[in-house]
Amino acid sequence: MKQKRFWVMLLLVMCLVQPATVWSEELEKSAEVATSPARQEECPGTFGPILTDTTVPADVGALELQPFWYFISVIDSFSPSWRRTSAGGDFYSFGFDLQITYGAWENLEVFTVIPMAVNWASSVNEPGPSGDRSASYGGFGDVNLTFKYLLLNEGPLAPAMSAIFATDFPTGHYKRLNPNNLGTDELGGGSFVFTTGLNLAKWIKPFIFYGNLYYSMPTSFTNDDGKQEPRDFVTVNLAAEYPITEKWIALLELTSAWDAGRLFGPHPNIEPAGLVSILPGIEFMAMENLSFAFGVNVDLAGKNTDATVMPILSLVWAVH
């Protein structure tokens, strides 16, 4: 009788212990799945800003083609006192830039931008020597070559950070200009421009934030007006994306450039300029390797430069 009671008690204990053990194992499995990298929420894929540079370099061996189509309309001119004045005529430009990006090796990408533009002017207040008040001219602009290296991956608090080093080459037409072209044949800046700086990016759900801080140093050059000693300048760009759906993303950018003195070389002989612009836009993720973006850049304030409105369309095609 005692032996029978023993086996009954043992059976009851096993029935009670077994569910608790199974439940404990299930909890452990759930915790492992929840904390596994595959289940951690990731920043959604986007096109990225149009004018503000992104932070994370392309993957090793990846090749991306990104054309830009834009139309510039000069609305006014900004005076030295930041006031809007007449532009002195109607000036327009249609441009096409091609950016080619390649993931050279781990955490490093290199890209080049090849710009082309057609400029035209009409109803100009001061005609050329021939008396014409309209003209047009087209060609290549200044080619850019940029290296981008990832310094820091994004963490729970820290943003992703990369360093860039870029050079603009004076490949655009900038001297021996024809007065009858009314300035439309000026397609380049005339100097080598060496730029270094930082890119930042941070996902704070649901927004994705970007920032650029660059310092650029142009070299001296000679044009039709003689020896030019341009100023160094600082670029500060900010951008934010808001994923509306998986495929549609809202975009807002604030870009700016500020002339300074010179770290090296003679004292500048060009008046300082400044410009602040805003760009609202929309992005569409068409496929895994193809996305589009459209925005309108509007110059808000500036001095010693033009005030423009620029619709711009771009796409990114990941070739490999």
C-alpha atoms as a PDB file:
ATOM      1  CA  MET A   1       0.000   0.000   0.000  1.00  0.00           C
ATOM      2  CA  LYS A   2       2.829   2.374   0.912  1.00  0.00           C
ATOM      3  CA  GLN A   3       4.593   1.575  -2.375  1.00  0.00           C
ATOM      4  CA  LYS A   4       1.430   2.417  -4.306  1.00  0.00           C
ATOM      5  CA  ARG A   5       1.105   5.792  -2.549  1.00  0.00           C
ATOM      6  CA  PHE A   6       4.768   6.531  -3.360  1.00  0.00           C
ATOM      7  CA  TRP A   7       4.259   6.089  -7.102  1.00  0.00           C
ATOM      8  CA  VAL A   8       1.079   8.200  -7.040  1.00  0.00           C
ATOM      9  CA  MET A   9       2.904  11.078  -5.293  1.00  0.00           C
ATOM     10  CA  LEU A  10       5.830  10.848  -7.731  1.00  0.00           C
ATOM     11  CA  LEU A  11       3.424  11.065 -10.670  1.00  0.00           C
ATOM     12  CA  LEU A  12       1.769  14.194  -9.207  1.00  0.00           C
ATOM     13  CA  VAL A  13       5.122  15.927  -8.672  1.00  0.00           C
ATOM     14  CA  MET A  14       6.175  15.199 -12.260  1.00  0.00           C
ATOM     15  CA  CYS A  15       2.904  16.631 -13.555  1.00  0.00           C
ATOM     16  CA  LEU A  16       3.443  19.835 -11.589  1.00  0.00           C
ATOM     17  CA  VAL A  17       7.127  20.287 -12.388  1.00  0.00           C
ATOM     18  CA  GLN A  18       6.976  19.523 -16.109  1.00  0.00           C
ATOM     19  CA  PRO A  19       4.664  22.467 -17.138  1.00  0.00           C
ATOM     20  CA  ALA A  20       6.749  24.913 -15.093  1.00  0.00           C
ATOM     21  CA  THR A  21       9.922  23.683 -16.804  1.00  0.00           C
ATOM     22  CA  VAL A  22       8.361  23.978 -20.256  1.00  0.00           C
ATOM     23  CA  TRP A  23       7.083  27.484 -19.466  1.00  0.00           C
ATOM     24  CA  SER A  24      10.546  28.540 -18.275  1.00  0.00           C
ATOM     25  CA  GLU A  25      12.130  27.236 -21.475  1.00  0.00           C
ATOM     26  CA  GLU A  26       9.557  29.081 -23.588  1.00  0.00           C
ATOM     27  CA  LEU A  27      10.301  32.343 -21.764  1.00  0.00           C
ATOM     28  CA  GLU A  28      14.015  31.929 -22.399  1.00  0.00           C
ATOM     29  CA  LYS A  29      13.404  31.267 -26.087  1.00  0.00           C
ATOM     30  CA  SER A  30      11.161  34.344 -26.374  1.00  0.00           C
ATOM     31  CA  ALA A  31      13.799  36.525 -24.723  1.00  0.00           C
ATOM     32  CA  GLU A  32      16.492  35.233 -27.094  1.00  0.00           C
ATOM     33  CA  VAL A  33      14.311  35.939 -30.150  1.00  0.00           C
ATOM     34  CA  ALA A  34      13.369  39.423 -28.951  1.00  0.00           C
ATOM     35  CA  THR A  35      17.000  40.426 -28.364  1.00  0.00           C
ATOM     36  CA  SER A  36      18.443  38.760 -31.455  1.00  0.00           C
ATOM     37  CA  PRO A  37      19.826  41.128 -34.167  1.00  0.00           C
ATOM     38  CA  ALA A  38      17.334  39.769 -36.702  1.00  0.00           C
ATOM     39  CA  ARG A  39      14.395  40.972 -34.579  1.00  0.00           C
ATOM     40  CA  GLN A  40      15.827  44.367 -33.558  1.00  0.00           C
ATOM     41  CA  GLU A  41      14.087  47.241 -35.305  1.00  0.00           C
ATOM     42  CA  GLU A  42      16.190  48.815 -38.041  1.00  0.00           C
ATOM     43  CA  CYS A  43      16.181  52.280 -39.586  1.00  0.00           C
ATOM     44  CA  PRO A  44      13.973  52.205 -42.710  1.00  0.00           C
ATOM     45  CA  GLY A  45      15.667  52.421 -46.086  1.00  0.00           C
ATOM     46  CA  THR A  46      15.300  55.810 -47.798  1.00  0.00           C
ATOM     47  CA  PHE A  47      16.596  57.727 -50.802  1.00  0.00           C
ATOM     48  CA  GLY A  48      18.498  60.109 -48.540  1.00  0.00           C
ATOM     49  CA  PRO A  49      18.581  63.911 -48.857  1.00  0.00           C
ATOM     50  CA  ILE A  50      18.984  65.506 -52.291  1.00  0.00           C
ATOM     51  CA  LEU A  51      21.541  68.236 -51.510  1.00  0.00           C
ATOM     52  CA  THR A  52      22.723  67.252 -48.027  1.00  0.00           C
ATOM     53  CA  ASP A  53      25.258  64.425 -48.187  1.00  0.00           C
ATOM     54  CA  THR A  54      24.558  61.066 -46.548  1.00  0.00           C
ATOM     55  CA  THR A  55      26.834  59.526 -43.924  1.00  0.00           C
ATOM     56  CA  VAL A  56      27.219  55.759 -44.352  1.00  0.00           C
ATOM     57  CA  PRO A  57      29.491  54.800 -47.291  1.00  0.00           C
ATOM     58  CA  ALA A  58      28.419  52.353 -49.981  1.00  0.00           C
ATOM     59  CA  ASP A  59      29.118  48.649 -49.475  1.00  0.00           C
ATOM     60  CA  VAL A  60      32.378  47.236 -50.789  1.00  0.00           C
ATOM     61  CA  GLY A  61      32.121  46.705 -54.546  1.00  0.00           C
ATOM     62  CA  ALA A  62      28.769  48.514 -54.815  1.00  0.00           C
ATOM     63  CA  LEU A  63      28.297  50.854 -57.772  1.00  0.00           C
ATOM     64  CA  GLU A  64      25.584  53.516 -57.774  1.00  0.00           C
ATOM     65  CA  LEU A  65      24.547  55.960 -60.480  1.00  0.00           C
ATOM     66  CA  GLN A  66      22.709  59.109 -59.414  1.00  0.00           C
ATOM     67  CA  PRO A  67      21.703  61.661 -62.059  1.00  0.00           C
ATOM     68  CA  PHE A  68      20.263  65.067 -61.125  1.00  0.00           C
ATOM     69  CA  TRP A  69      18.060  67.180 -63.391  1.00  0.00           C
ATOM     70  CA  TYR A  70      17.388  70.738 -62.289  1.00  0.00           C
ATOM     71  CA  PHE A  71      16.076  74.060 -63.577  1.00  0.00           C
ATOM     72  CA  ILE A  72      17.326  77.308 -62.042  1.00  0.00           C
ATOM     73  CA  SER A  73      15.374  80.535 -62.300  1.00  0.00           C
ATOM     74  CA  VAL A  74      17.046  83.710 -60.978  1.00  0.00           C
ATOM     75  CA  ILE A  75      14.363  85.701 -59.174  1.00  0.00           C
ATOM     76  CA  ASP A  76      16.409  88.514 -57.590  1.00  0.00           C
ATOM     77  CA  SER A  77      19.894  89.424 -56.468  1.00  0.00           C
ATOM     78  CA  PHE A  78      20.976  89.707 -52.845  1.00  0.00           C
ATOM     79  CA  SER A  79      22.754  92.967 -52.037  1.00  0.00           C
ATOM     80  CA  PRO A  80      25.744  93.304 -49.627  1.00  0.00           C
ATOM     81  CA  SER A  81      23.199  94.281 -46.946  1.00  0.00           C
ATOM     82  CA  TRP A  82      21.087  91.104 -47.443  1.00  0.00           C
ATOM     83  CA  ARG A  83      18.349  92.952 -49.345  1.00  0.00           C
ATOM     84  CA  ARG A  84      16.678  91.756 -52.520  1.00  0.00           C
ATOM     85  CA  THR A  85      17.354  93.806 -55.643  1.00  0.00           C
ATOM     86  CA  SER A  86      16.654  93.391 -59.353  1.00  0.00           C
ATOM     87  CA  ALA A  87      18.639  90.695 -61.129  1.00  0.00           C
ATOM     88  CA  GLY A  88      18.996  92.951 -64.192  1.00  0.00           C
ATOM     89  CA  GLY A  89      17.202  90.592 -66.569  1.00  0.00           C
ATOM     90  CA  ASP A  90      15.811  87.097 -66.892  1.00  0.00           C
ATOM     91  CA  PHE A  91      18.402  84.386 -66.265  1.00  0.00           C
ATOM     92  CA  TYR A  92      17.804  80.635 -66.391  1.00  0.00           C
ATOM     93  CA  SER A  93      19.804  77.429 -66.351  1.00  0.00           C
ATOM     94  CA  PHE A  94      19.007  73.802 -67.083  1.00  0.00           C
ATOM     95  CA  GLY A  95      21.496  71.397 -65.579  1.00  0.00           C
ATOM     96  CA  PHE A  96      22.331  67.714 -65.531  1.00  0.00           C
ATOM     97  CA  ASP A  97      24.764  66.315 -62.957  1.00  0.00           C
ATOM     98  CA  LEU A  98      25.856  62.684 -62.854  1.00  0.00           C
ATOM     99  CA  GLN A  99      27.190  61.275 -59.586  1.00  0.00           C
ATOM    100  CA  ILE A 100      29.004  57.933 -59.758  1.00  0.00           C
ATOM    101  CA  THR A 101      29.622  56.255 -56.393  1.00  0.00           C
ATOM    102  CA  TYR A 102      31.768  53.198 -55.731  1.00  0.00           C
ATOM    103  CA  GLY A 103      32.418  51.291 -52.490  1.00  0.00           C
ATOM    104  CA  ALA A 104      36.205  51.124 -52.696  1.00  0.00           C
ATOM    105  CA  TRP A 105      36.760  49.069 -49.546  1.00  0.00           C
ATOM    106  CA  GLU A 106      35.358  48.589 -46.051  1.00  0.00           C
ATOM    107  CA  ASN A 107      33.945  51.885 -44.690  1.00  0.00           C
ATOM    108  CA  LEU A 108      35.256  53.911 -47.648  1.00  0.00           C
ATOM    109  CA  GLU A 109      33.466  55.146 -50.741  1.00  0.00           C
ATOM    110  CA  VAL A 110      34.612  57.393 -53.544  1.00  0.00           C
ATOM    111  CA  PHE A 111      32.336  59.352 -55.833  1.00  0.00           C
ATOM    112  CA  THR A 112      32.647  61.846 -58.636  1.00  0.00           C
ATOM    113  CA  VAL A 113      30.138  64.421 -59.834  1.00  0.00           C
ATOM    114  CA  ILE A 114      30.213  65.458 -63.505  1.00  0.00           C
ATOM    115  CA  PRO A 115      28.085  68.581 -64.092  1.00  0.00           C
ATOM    116  CA  MET A 116      26.690  69.929 -67.361  1.00  0.00           C
ATOM    117  CA  ALA A 117      24.492  72.990 -67.867  1.00  0.00           C
ATOM    118  CA  VAL A 118      22.866  75.219 -70.468  1.00  0.00           C
ATOM    119  CA  ASN A 119      22.471  78.869 -69.438  1.00  0.00           C
ATOM    120  CA  TRP A 120      20.423  81.530 -71.169  1.00  0.00           C
ATOM    121  CA  ALA A 121      19.525  85.151 -70.557  1.00  0.00           C
ATOM    122  CA  SER A 122      16.830  87.436 -71.960  1.00  0.00           C
ATOM    123  CA  SER A 123      15.549  90.977 -71.454  1.00  0.00           C
ATOM    124  CA  VAL A 124      18.932  91.948 -70.003  1.00  0.00           C
ATOM    125  CA  ASN A 125      19.150  95.584 -68.852  1.00  0.00           C
ATOM    126  CA  GLU A 126      22.737  96.005 -70.067  1.00  0.00           C
ATOM    127  CA  PRO A 127      23.146  94.541 -73.576  1.00  0.00           C
ATOM    128  CA  GLY A 128      26.424  93.233 -74.939  1.00  0.00           C
ATOM    129  CA  PRO A 129      28.650  95.009 -77.508  1.00  0.00           C
ATOM    130  CA  SER A 130      26.453  93.695 -80.323  1.00  0.00           C
ATOM    131  CA  GLY A 131      23.355  95.203 -78.740  1.00  0.00           C
ATOM    132  CA  ASP A 132      21.702  91.837 -78.080  1.00  0.00           C
ATOM    133  CA  ARG A 133      19.701  91.470 -74.890  1.00  0.00           C
ATOM    134  CA  SER A 134      19.537  87.677 -75.006  1.00  0.00           C
ATOM    135  CA  ALA A 135      22.106  84.887 -75.254  1.00  0.00           C
ATOM    136  CA  SER A 136      22.709  81.229 -74.367  1.00  0.00           C
ATOM    137  CA  TYR A 137      25.648  78.922 -73.771  1.00  0.00           C
ATOM    138  CA  GLY A 138      26.193  75.347 -72.570  1.00  0.00           C
ATOM    139  CA  GLY A 139      28.978  73.015 -71.503  1.00  0.00           C
ATOM    140  CA  PHE A 140      30.650  71.180 -68.633  1.00  0.00           C
ATOM    141  CA  GLY A 141      31.101  72.630 -65.151  1.00  0.00           C
ATOM    142  CA  ASP A 142      33.668  71.907 -62.439  1.00  0.00           C
ATOM    143  CA  VAL A 143      34.132  68.170 -61.767  1.00  0.00           C
ATOM    144  CA  ASN A 144      34.146  67.007 -58.137  1.00  0.00           C
ATOM    145  CA  LEU A 145      35.956  64.019 -56.596  1.00  0.00           C
ATOM    146  CA  THR A 146      35.100  63.004 -53.001  1.00  0.00           C
ATOM    147  CA  PHE A 147      36.357  60.367 -50.552  1.00  0.00           C
ATOM    148  CA  LYS A 148      34.086  59.434 -47.627  1.00  0.00           C
ATOM    149  CA  TYR A 149      35.260  57.320 -44.680  1.00  0.00           C
ATOM    150  CA  LEU A 150      33.047  56.027 -41.859  1.00  0.00           C
ATOM    151  CA  LEU A 151      34.441  57.017 -38.452  1.00  0.00           C
ATOM    152  CA  LEU A 152      31.652  55.856 -36.160  1.00  0.00           C
ATOM    153  CA  ASN A 153      28.673  53.537 -36.487  1.00  0.00           C
ATOM    154  CA  GLU A 154      25.356  54.721 -35.110  1.00  0.00           C
ATOM    155  CA  GLY A 155      24.731  53.638 -31.516  1.00  0.00           C
ATOM    156  CA  PRO A 156      21.860  53.973 -29.039  1.00  0.00           C
ATOM    157  CA  LEU A 157      22.867  57.592 -28.376  1.00  0.00           C
ATOM    158  CA  ALA A 158      25.740  58.400 -30.741  1.00  0.00           C
ATOM    159  CA  PRO A 159      25.071  59.327 -34.381  1.00  0.00           C
ATOM    160  CA  ALA A 160      26.824  57.741 -37.320  1.00  0.00           C
ATOM    161  CA  MET A 161      29.781  59.892 -38.353  1.00  0.00           C
ATOM    162  CA  SER A 162      31.951  59.996 -41.479  1.00  0.00           C
ATOM    163  CA  ALA A 163      34.756  62.238 -42.699  1.00  0.00           C
ATOM    164  CA  ILE A 164      35.011  63.565 -46.241  1.00  0.00           C
ATOM    165  CA  PHE A 165      37.811  64.983 -48.349  1.00  0.00           C
ATOM    166  CA  ALA A 166      36.834  66.491 -51.691  1.00  0.00           C
ATOM    167  CA  THR A 167      38.394  68.402 -54.566  1.00  0.00           C
ATOM    168  CA  ASP A 168      36.666  70.501 -57.218  1.00  0.00           C
ATOM    169  CA  PHE A 169      38.631  70.757 -60.457  1.00  0.00           C
ATOM    170  CA  PRO A 170      38.349  73.924 -62.616  1.00  0.00           C
ATOM    171  CA  THR A 171      37.069  72.124 -65.720  1.00  0.00           C
ATOM    172  CA  GLY A 172      34.256  74.588 -66.415  1.00  0.00           C
ATOM    173  CA  HIS A 173      34.669  77.594 -68.720  1.00  0.00           C
ATOM    174  CA  TYR A 174      35.606  80.640 -66.614  1.00  0.00           C
ATOM    175  CA  LYS A 175      37.885  82.956 -68.649  1.00  0.00           C
ATOM    176  CA  ARG A 176      38.114  84.461 -72.133  1.00  0.00           C
ATOM    177  CA  LEU A 177      34.373  85.046 -71.833  1.00  0.00           C
ATOM    178  CA  ASN A 178      32.518  86.587 -74.764  1.00  0.00           C
ATOM    179  CA  PRO A 179      30.737  89.813 -73.692  1.00  0.00           C
ATOM    180  CA  ASN A 180      27.989  89.068 -76.212  1.00  0.00           C
ATOM    181  CA  ASN A 181      27.109  85.944 -74.218  1.00  0.00           C
ATOM    182  CA  LEU A 182      25.958  88.160 -71.330  1.00  0.00           C
ATOM    183  CA  GLY A 183      27.607  85.961 -68.710  1.00  0.00           C
ATOM    184  CA  THR A 184      25.959  82.720 -69.839  1.00  0.00           C
ATOM    185  CA  ASP A 185      29.324  81.212 -70.820  1.00  0.00           C
ATOM    186  CA  GLU A 186      30.634  81.301 -67.240  1.00  0.00           C
ATOM    187  CA  LEU A 187      30.266  77.647 -66.219  1.00  0.00           C
ATOM    188  CA  GLY A 188      33.062  77.186 -63.674  1.00  0.00           C
ATOM    189  CA  GLY A 189      34.591  78.844 -60.650  1.00  0.00           C
ATOM    190  CA  GLY A 190      38.181  78.937 -61.954  1.00  0.00           C
ATOM    191  CA  SER A 191      39.968  77.454 -58.933  1.00  0.00           C
ATOM    192  CA  PHE A 192      40.726  74.148 -57.284  1.00  0.00           C
ATOM    193  CA  VAL A 193      38.582  73.849 -54.162  1.00  0.00           C
ATOM    194  CA  PHE A 194      39.774  71.548 -51.366  1.00  0.00           C
ATOM    195  CA  THR A 195      37.088  70.573 -48.854  1.00  0.00           C
ATOM    196  CA  THR A 196      37.178  68.592 -45.630  1.00  0.00           C
ATOM    197  CA  GLY A 197      34.512  68.024 -43.024  1.00  0.00           C
ATOM    198  CA  LEU A 198      32.070  65.714 -41.273  1.00  0.00           C
ATOM    199  CA  ASN A 199      28.758  64.036 -42.071  1.00  0.00           C
ATOM    200  CA  LEU A 200      26.352  62.983 -39.314  1.00  0.00           C
ATOM    201  CA  ALA A 201      23.203  60.843 -39.305  1.00  0.00           C
ATOM    202  CA  LYS A 202      20.853  59.707 -36.547  1.00  0.00           C
ATOM    203  CA  TRP A 203      17.559  57.806 -36.513  1.00  0.00           C
ATOM    204  CA  ILE A 204      15.229  59.069 -33.789  1.00  0.00           C
ATOM    205  CA  LYS A 205      12.039  57.219 -34.622  1.00  0.00           C
ATOM    206  CA  PRO A 206      10.163  58.164 -36.731  1.00  0.00           C
ATOM    207  CA  PHE A 207      12.586  60.829 -38.076  1.00  0.00           C
ATOM    208  CA  ILE A 208      15.989  60.394 -39.729  1.00  0.00           C
ATOM    209  CA  PHE A 209      18.302  63.380 -39.271  1.00  0.00           C
ATOM    210  CA  TYR A 210      21.395  64.361 -41.294  1.00  0.00           C
ATOM    211  CA  GLY A 211      24.028  67.063 -40.953  1.00  0.00           C
ATOM    212  CA  ASN A 212      27.065  68.305 -42.898  1.00  0.00           C
ATOM    213  CA  LEU A 213      29.809  70.625 -41.674  1.00  0.00           C
ATOM    214  CA  TYR A 214      32.500  71.431 -44.265  1.00  0.00           C
ATOM    215  CA  TYR A 215      35.388  73.863 -44.636  1.00  0.00           C
ATOM    216  CA  SER A 216      36.446  74.656 -48.228  1.00  0.00           C
ATOM    217  CA  MET A 217      39.624  76.348 -49.454  1.00  0.00           C
ATOM    218  CA  PRO A 218      39.700  77.646 -53.065  1.00  0.00           C
ATOM    219  CA  THR A 219      43.033  78.372 -54.739  1.00  0.00           C
ATOM    220  CA  SER A 220      43.975  81.628 -56.431  1.00  0.00           C
ATOM    221  CA  PHE A 221      43.220  81.939 -60.143  1.00  0.00           C
ATOM    222  CA  THR A 222      43.291  84.452 -62.964  1.00  0.00           C
ATOM    223  CA  ASN A 223      40.279  85.328 -65.089  1.00  0.00           C
ATOM    224  CA  ASP A 224      39.379  88.176 -67.432  1.00  0.00           C
ATOM    225  CA  ASP A 225      39.312  90.582 -64.464  1.00  0.00           C
ATOM    226  CA  GLY A 226      42.845  89.665 -63.353  1.00  0.00           C
ATOM    227  CA  LYS A 227      44.190  87.797 -60.324  1.00  0.00           C
ATOM    228  CA  GLN A 228      41.442  86.527 -58.030  1.00  0.00           C
ATOM    229  CA  GLU A 229      41.963  85.623 -54.376  1.00  0.00           C
ATOM    230  CA  PRO A 230      38.731  83.865 -53.362  1.00  0.00           C
ATOM    231  CA  ARG A 231      37.588  83.396 -49.788  1.00  0.00           C
ATOM    232  CA  ASP A 232      37.410  80.161 -47.856  1.00  0.00           C
ATOM    233  CA  PHE A 233      33.848  79.191 -47.028  1.00  0.00           C
ATOM    234  CA  VAL A 234      31.920  77.077 -44.539  1.00  0.00           C
ATOM    235  CA  THR A 235      29.002  74.835 -45.526  1.00  0.00           C
ATOM    236  CA  VAL A 236      26.353  73.855 -42.980  1.00  0.00           C
ATOM    237  CA  ASN A 237      23.534  71.560 -44.125  1.00  0.00           C
ATOM    238  CA  LEU A 238      20.706  70.006 -42.117  1.00  0.00           C
ATOM    239  CA  ALA A 239      18.063  67.544 -43.310  1.00  0.00           C
ATOM    240  CA  ALA A 240      15.253  65.416 -41.906  1.00  0.00           C
ATOM    241  CA  GLU A 241      13.232  62.553 -43.405  1.00  0.00           C
ATOM    242  CA  TYR A 242       9.850  61.262 -42.263  1.00  0.00           C
ATOM    243  CA  PRO A 243       8.740  57.861 -43.642  1.00  0.00           C
ATOM    244  CA  ILE A 244       5.041  58.252 -44.478  1.00  0.00           C
ATOM    245  CA  THR A 245       4.753  54.681 -45.720  1.00  0.00           C
ATOM    246  CA  GLU A 246       7.252  51.987 -46.631  1.00  0.00           C
ATOM    247  CA  LYS A 247       7.705  53.534 -50.085  1.00  0.00           C
ATOM    248  CA  TRP A 248       6.969  57.262 -49.574  1.00  0.00           C
ATOM    249  CA  ILE A 249       9.210  59.537 -47.484  1.00  0.00           C
ATOM    250  CA  ALA A 250       8.839  63.262 -46.779  1.00  0.00           C
ATOM    251  CA  LEU A 251      12.018  65.357 -46.880  1.00  0.00           C
ATOM    252  CA  LEU A 252      13.045  68.798 -45.613  1.00  0.00           C
ATOM    253  CA  GLU A 253      16.509  70.328 -46.031  1.00  0.00           C
ATOM    254  CA  LEU A 254      18.104  73.564 -44.858  1.00  0.00           C
ATOM    255  CA  THR A 255      21.376  74.343 -46.638  1.00  0.00           C
ATOM    256  CA  SER A 256      23.773  77.248 -46.226  1.00  0.00           C
ATOM    257  CA  ALA A 257      27.194  78.544 -47.259  1.00  0.00           C
ATOM    258  CA  TRP A 258      29.162  81.304 -45.519  1.00  0.00           C
ATOM    259  CA  ASP A 259      32.268  83.046 -46.851  1.00  0.00           C
ATOM    260  CA  ALA A 260      35.174  83.552 -44.434  1.00  0.00           C
ATOM    261  CA  GLY A 261      38.763  84.783 -44.624  1.00  0.00           C
ATOM    262  CA  ARG A 262      41.643  82.564 -45.763  1.00  0.00           C
ATOM    263  CA  LEU A 263      43.724  80.110 -43.777  1.00  0.00           C
ATOM    264  CA  PHE A 264      46.470  80.172 -46.416  1.00  0.00           C
ATOM    265  CA  GLY A 265      47.495  82.585 -49.157  1.00  0.00           C
ATOM    266  CA  PRO A 266      47.068  86.322 -49.721  1.00  0.00           C
ATOM    267  CA  HIS A 267      44.219  88.359 -48.340  1.00  0.00           C
ATOM    268  CA  PRO A 268      41.013  87.786 -50.382  1.00  0.00           C
ATOM    269  CA  ASN A 269      40.030  90.446 -52.905  1.00  0.00           C
ATOM    270  CA  ILE A 270      36.455  89.194 -53.406  1.00  0.00           C
ATOM    271  CA  GLU A 271      33.525  90.512 -51.377  1.00  0.00           C
ATOM    272  CA  PRO A 272      32.120  87.993 -48.863  1.00  0.00           C
ATOM    273  CA  ALA A 273      28.919  86.193 -49.789  1.00  0.00           C
ATOM    274  CA  GLY A 274      26.402  84.098 -47.893  1.00  0.00           C
ATOM    275  CA  LEU A 275      23.323  82.072 -48.757  1.00  0.00           C
ATOM    276  CA  VAL A 276      20.605  80.204 -46.831  1.00  0.00           C
ATOM    277  CA  SER A 277      18.137  77.940 -48.682  1.00  0.00           C
ATOM    278  CA  ILE A 278      15.311  75.533 -47.909  1.00  0.00           C
ATOM    279  CA  LEU A 279      14.220  72.451 -49.845  1.00  0.00           C
ATOM    280  CA  PRO A 280      10.975  70.549 -49.199  1.00  0.00           C
ATOM    281  CA  GLY A 281      10.779  67.265 -51.099  1.00  0.00           C
ATOM    282  CA  ILE A 282       9.309  63.794 -51.479  1.00  0.00           C
ATOM    283  CA  GLU A 283      10.990  60.417 -52.024  1.00  0.00           C
ATOM    284  CA  PHE A 284       9.701  57.226 -53.611  1.00  0.00           C
ATOM    285  CA  MET A 285      11.315  53.824 -53.083  1.00  0.00           C
ATOM    286  CA  ALA A 286      10.335  52.136 -56.333  1.00  0.00           C
ATOM    287  CA  MET A 287      12.395  48.952 -56.009  1.00  0.00           C
ATOM    288  CA  GLU A 288      15.224  47.583 -53.915  1.00  0.00           C
ATOM    289  CA  ASN A 289      17.816  49.018 -56.307  1.00  0.00           C
ATOM    290  CA  LEU A 290      15.901  52.053 -57.650  1.00  0.00           C
ATOM    291  CA  SER A 291      14.532  55.124 -55.864  1.00  0.00           C
ATOM    292  CA  PHE A 292      13.453  58.658 -56.813  1.00  0.00           C
ATOM    293  CA  ALA A 293      13.369  62.067 -55.137  1.00  0.00           C
ATOM    294  CA  PHE A 294      11.896  65.427 -56.122  1.00  0.00           C
ATOM    295  CA  GLY A 295      12.199  68.771 -54.363  1.00  0.00           C
ATOM    296  CA  VAL A 296      12.199  72.525 -54.865  1.00  0.00           C
ATOM    297  CA  ASN A 297      15.126  74.514 -53.474  1.00  0.00           C
ATOM    298  CA  VAL A 298      14.298  78.135 -52.589  1.00  0.00           C
ATOM    299  CA  ASP A 299      16.916  80.707 -51.560  1.00  0.00           C
ATOM    300  CA  LEU A 300      15.671  82.454 -48.429  1.00  0.00           C
ATOM    301  CA  ALA A 301      18.412  84.964 -47.598  1.00  0.00           C
ATOM    302  CA  GLY A 302      21.859  85.922 -48.775  1.00  0.00           C
ATOM    303  CA  LYS A 303      24.310  88.628 -49.755  1.00  0.00           C
ATOM    304  CA  ASN A 304      26.393  89.277 -52.887  1.00  0.00           C
ATOM    305  CA  THR A 305      24.774  86.396 -54.742  1.00  0.00           C
ATOM    306  CA  ASP A 306      21.669  85.491 -56.753  1.00  0.00           C
ATOM    307  CA  ALA A 307      18.302  84.530 -55.288  1.00  0.00           C
ATOM    308  CA  THR A 308      16.979  81.509 -57.162  1.00  0.00           C
ATOM    309  CA  VAL A 309      14.251  78.884 -57.244  1.00  0.00           C
ATOM    310  CA  MET A 310      15.363  75.409 -58.352  1.00  0.00           C
ATOM    311  CA  PRO A 311      13.120  72.368 -58.912  1.00  0.00           C
ATOM    312  CA  ILE A 312      15.300  69.251 -58.864  1.00  0.00           C
ATOM    313  CA  LEU A 313      14.658  65.601 -59.736  1.00  0.00           C
ATOM    314  CA  SER A 314      17.054  62.778 -58.922  1.00  0.00           C
ATOM    315  CA  LEU A 315      17.194  59.008 -58.840  1.00  0.00           C
ATOM    316  CA  VAL A 316      19.589  56.404 -57.427  1.00  0.00           C
ATOM    317  CA  TRP A 317      20.185  53.183 -59.345  1.00  0.00           C
ATOM    318  CA  ALA A 318      22.266  50.559 -57.569  1.00  0.00           C
ATOM    319  CA  VAL A 319      24.005  48.792 -60.448  1.00  0.00           C
ATOM    320  CA  HIS A 320      25.730  46.167 -58.283  1.00  0.00           C
END
